[in-house]
């Protein structure tokens, strides 16, 4: 029986090695979402431009990017110029100003340009929770019918856009 006890650490080490080996080569940036393949959750948010309450019906009738951003988010600053380039190329982007002060957000868009076809205010973060976001920036590809096709956590740049645009077709 005592000899068997000497093999327990070896067996544990081998089992741990197998687990680590299975994780090699996996994308550590990938964040799955339970909403992929599901319709976007129902919402009622304020449109920054008109100060009116809008719902899912206000969303575009074509595939679009849904981008959660905030003025307090350094990564959002980093991706903003690239979102502007995408908007100039005709990519429809809906912005969700996440847990932010509305005056600061309006000023931020005036100073940096507004790449969004629609900006909705999620001041309390409830819609962000419904969408399962962990922070800003996060971007979703949404189909013309309102189905969530893909989720990306982090900055949208040229490399990320190559993946996102595949889902928009």
Protein backbone atom coordinates (compact mmCIF):
# COMPACT_ATOMS: atom_id res chain seq x y z
CA UNK A 1 0.00 0.00 0.00
CA UNK A 2 2.87 2.41 0.83
CA UNK A 3 4.36 1.85 -2.64
CA UNK A 4 1.06 2.96 -4.20
CA UNK A 5 1.25 6.29 -2.34
CA UNK A 6 4.54 7.06 -4.12
CA UNK A 7 2.76 6.89 -7.51
CA UNK A 8 -0.01 9.39 -6.65
CA UNK A 9 2.16 12.49 -7.30
CA UNK A 10 3.34 10.97 -10.61
CA UNK A 11 -0.24 10.26 -11.71
CA UNK A 12 -1.33 13.80 -10.71
CA UNK A 13 1.61 15.29 -12.62
CA UNK A 14 0.74 13.30 -15.77
CA UNK A 15 -2.94 14.28 -15.54
CA UNK A 16 -2.01 17.95 -15.15
CA UNK A 17 0.36 17.69 -18.12
CA UNK A 18 -2.45 16.28 -20.29
CA UNK A 19 -4.76 19.16 -19.32
CA UNK A 20 -2.10 21.77 -20.13
CA UNK A 21 -1.22 20.06 -23.42
CA UNK A 22 -4.87 20.21 -24.55
CA UNK A 23 -4.86 23.99 -24.06
CA UNK A 24 -1.85 24.61 -26.32
CA UNK A 25 -2.69 26.55 -29.47
CA UNK A 26 -6.12 27.74 -28.30
CA UNK A 27 -7.05 31.38 -28.86
CA UNK A 28 -6.68 33.02 -25.45
CA UNK A 29 -8.46 36.18 -26.68
CA UNK A 30 -11.67 34.40 -27.67
CA UNK A 31 -14.63 35.18 -25.41
CA UNK A 32 -17.66 33.02 -26.17
CA UNK A 33 -21.10 34.51 -25.81
CA UNK A 34 -24.30 32.70 -24.97
CA UNK A 35 -26.08 35.23 -27.20
CA UNK A 36 -24.37 34.19 -30.45
CA UNK A 37 -27.10 32.74 -32.64
CA UNK A 38 -29.80 34.41 -30.53
CA UNK A 39 -31.87 37.54 -31.15
CA UNK A 40 -30.61 40.72 -29.52
CA UNK A 41 -32.27 41.25 -26.12
CA UNK A 42 -35.19 43.67 -26.02
CA UNK A 43 -34.20 47.17 -24.89
CA UNK A 44 -35.42 50.70 -24.42
CA UNK A 45 -32.57 53.23 -24.53
CA UNK A 46 -32.30 56.96 -25.12
CA UNK A 47 -31.06 58.11 -28.53
CA UNK A 48 -28.27 60.64 -27.90
CA UNK A 49 -29.21 62.79 -30.91
CA UNK A 50 -32.96 63.09 -30.33
CA UNK A 51 -33.26 62.42 -26.58
CA UNK A 52 -36.12 60.06 -27.42
CA UNK A 53 -36.53 56.51 -26.15
CA UNK A 54 -35.95 53.89 -28.83
CA UNK A 55 -36.20 50.11 -28.90
CA UNK A 56 -35.07 47.23 -31.10
CA UNK A 57 -37.21 48.54 -33.96
CA UNK A 58 -34.82 51.51 -34.35
CA UNK A 59 -31.93 49.24 -35.28
CA UNK A 60 -30.71 49.07 -38.91
CA UNK A 61 -32.32 46.72 -41.44
CA UNK A 62 -28.88 45.56 -42.61
CA UNK A 63 -25.96 43.82 -40.89
CA UNK A 64 -24.19 46.21 -38.52
CA UNK A 65 -21.64 46.47 -35.75
CA UNK A 66 -22.90 47.17 -32.23
CA UNK A 67 -20.03 48.85 -30.39
CA UNK A 68 -20.00 49.46 -26.63
CA UNK A 69 -17.73 52.42 -25.80
CA UNK A 70 -17.16 55.10 -23.15
CA UNK A 71 -15.16 58.28 -22.69
CA UNK A 72 -13.44 56.80 -19.61
CA UNK A 73 -12.13 53.85 -21.64
CA UNK A 74 -8.55 54.21 -22.99
CA UNK A 75 -9.01 51.30 -25.41
CA UNK A 76 -12.10 52.99 -26.83
CA UNK A 77 -9.92 56.00 -27.64
CA UNK A 78 -7.46 53.68 -29.39
CA UNK A 79 -10.11 52.12 -31.64
CA UNK A 80 -12.13 55.27 -32.37
CA UNK A 81 -10.12 56.44 -35.37
CA UNK A 82 -10.35 53.01 -36.99
CA UNK A 83 -14.12 52.93 -36.44
CA UNK A 84 -14.20 56.27 -38.28
CA UNK A 85 -12.38 54.67 -41.21
CA UNK A 86 -14.87 51.80 -41.28
CA UNK A 87 -17.79 54.24 -41.22
CA UNK A 88 -16.28 56.12 -44.17
CA UNK A 89 -16.15 52.79 -46.05
CA UNK A 90 -19.90 52.40 -45.48
CA UNK A 91 -19.89 50.06 -42.48
CA UNK A 92 -22.96 50.70 -40.36
CA UNK A 93 -21.95 51.04 -36.69
CA UNK A 94 -24.36 51.58 -33.82
CA UNK A 95 -22.68 52.93 -30.69
CA UNK A 96 -23.75 52.19 -27.13
CA UNK A 97 -22.35 54.79 -24.75
CA UNK A 98 -21.77 52.53 -21.76
CA UNK A 99 -21.93 53.76 -18.14
CA UNK A 100 -20.93 57.27 -19.12
CA UNK A 101 -21.89 60.89 -18.56
CA UNK A 102 -23.94 62.11 -21.53
CA UNK A 103 -22.39 65.62 -21.78
CA UNK A 104 -18.90 64.15 -21.77
CA UNK A 105 -19.88 61.62 -24.44
CA UNK A 106 -21.39 64.30 -26.68
CA UNK A 107 -18.26 66.44 -26.35
CA UNK A 108 -16.03 63.42 -27.04
CA UNK A 109 -17.86 62.71 -30.31
CA UNK A 110 -17.71 66.38 -31.34
CA UNK A 111 -13.95 66.49 -30.77
CA UNK A 112 -13.08 63.10 -32.31
CA UNK A 113 -15.80 62.65 -34.89
CA UNK A 114 -18.84 60.41 -34.79
CA UNK A 115 -18.53 57.10 -36.67
CA UNK A 116 -21.93 55.91 -35.44
CA UNK A 117 -25.18 55.93 -37.40
CA UNK A 118 -26.99 55.86 -34.05
CA UNK A 119 -25.72 56.43 -30.50
CA UNK A 120 -27.74 55.00 -27.63
CA UNK A 121 -27.15 55.77 -23.97
CA UNK A 122 -26.74 52.92 -21.48
CA UNK A 123 -25.96 55.08 -18.45
CA UNK A 124 -26.77 52.42 -15.85
CA UNK A 125 -25.24 49.55 -17.84
CA UNK A 126 -28.40 47.40 -17.85
CA UNK A 127 -28.30 46.73 -21.59
CA UNK A 128 -24.60 45.90 -21.29
CA UNK A 129 -25.46 43.30 -18.64
CA UNK A 130 -28.21 41.92 -20.90
CA UNK A 131 -25.65 41.61 -23.69
CA UNK A 132 -23.14 39.93 -21.37
CA UNK A 133 -20.36 42.44 -21.79
CA UNK A 134 -17.49 42.57 -19.33
CA UNK A 135 -16.36 46.12 -20.13
CA UNK A 136 -15.66 48.48 -22.97
CA UNK A 137 -14.89 48.23 -25.78
CA UNK A 138 -16.88 45.25 -26.97
CA UNK A 139 -18.30 44.86 -30.45
CA UNK A 140 -21.00 42.56 -31.77
CA UNK A 141 -21.90 41.73 -35.35
CA UNK A 142 -25.70 41.79 -35.67
CA UNK A 143 -27.61 40.51 -38.69
CA UNK A 144 -30.33 42.42 -40.55
CA UNK A 145 -32.89 40.36 -38.62
CA UNK A 146 -31.40 41.25 -35.23
CA UNK A 147 -29.53 37.98 -34.61
CA UNK A 148 -26.18 38.23 -32.85
CA UNK A 149 -23.60 36.62 -35.12
CA UNK A 150 -20.29 37.32 -33.38
CA UNK A 151 -18.79 38.96 -30.30
CA UNK A 152 -15.39 40.61 -30.00
CA UNK A 153 -13.97 41.84 -26.72
CA UNK A 154 -11.33 44.54 -27.09
CA UNK A 155 -10.14 47.03 -29.67
CA UNK A 156 -11.35 46.78 -33.26
CA UNK A 157 -8.40 47.18 -35.63
CA UNK A 158 -7.52 46.01 -39.14
CA UNK A 159 -6.78 42.45 -38.02
CA UNK A 160 -10.02 42.14 -36.03
CA UNK A 161 -12.00 43.73 -38.88
CA UNK A 162 -10.95 40.88 -41.18
CA UNK A 163 -12.84 38.49 -38.88
CA UNK A 164 -15.81 40.80 -38.27
CA UNK A 165 -16.48 41.47 -41.95
CA UNK A 166 -16.80 37.74 -42.65
CA UNK A 167 -19.78 37.66 -40.31
CA UNK A 168 -21.35 40.76 -41.87
CA UNK A 169 -21.86 39.16 -45.28
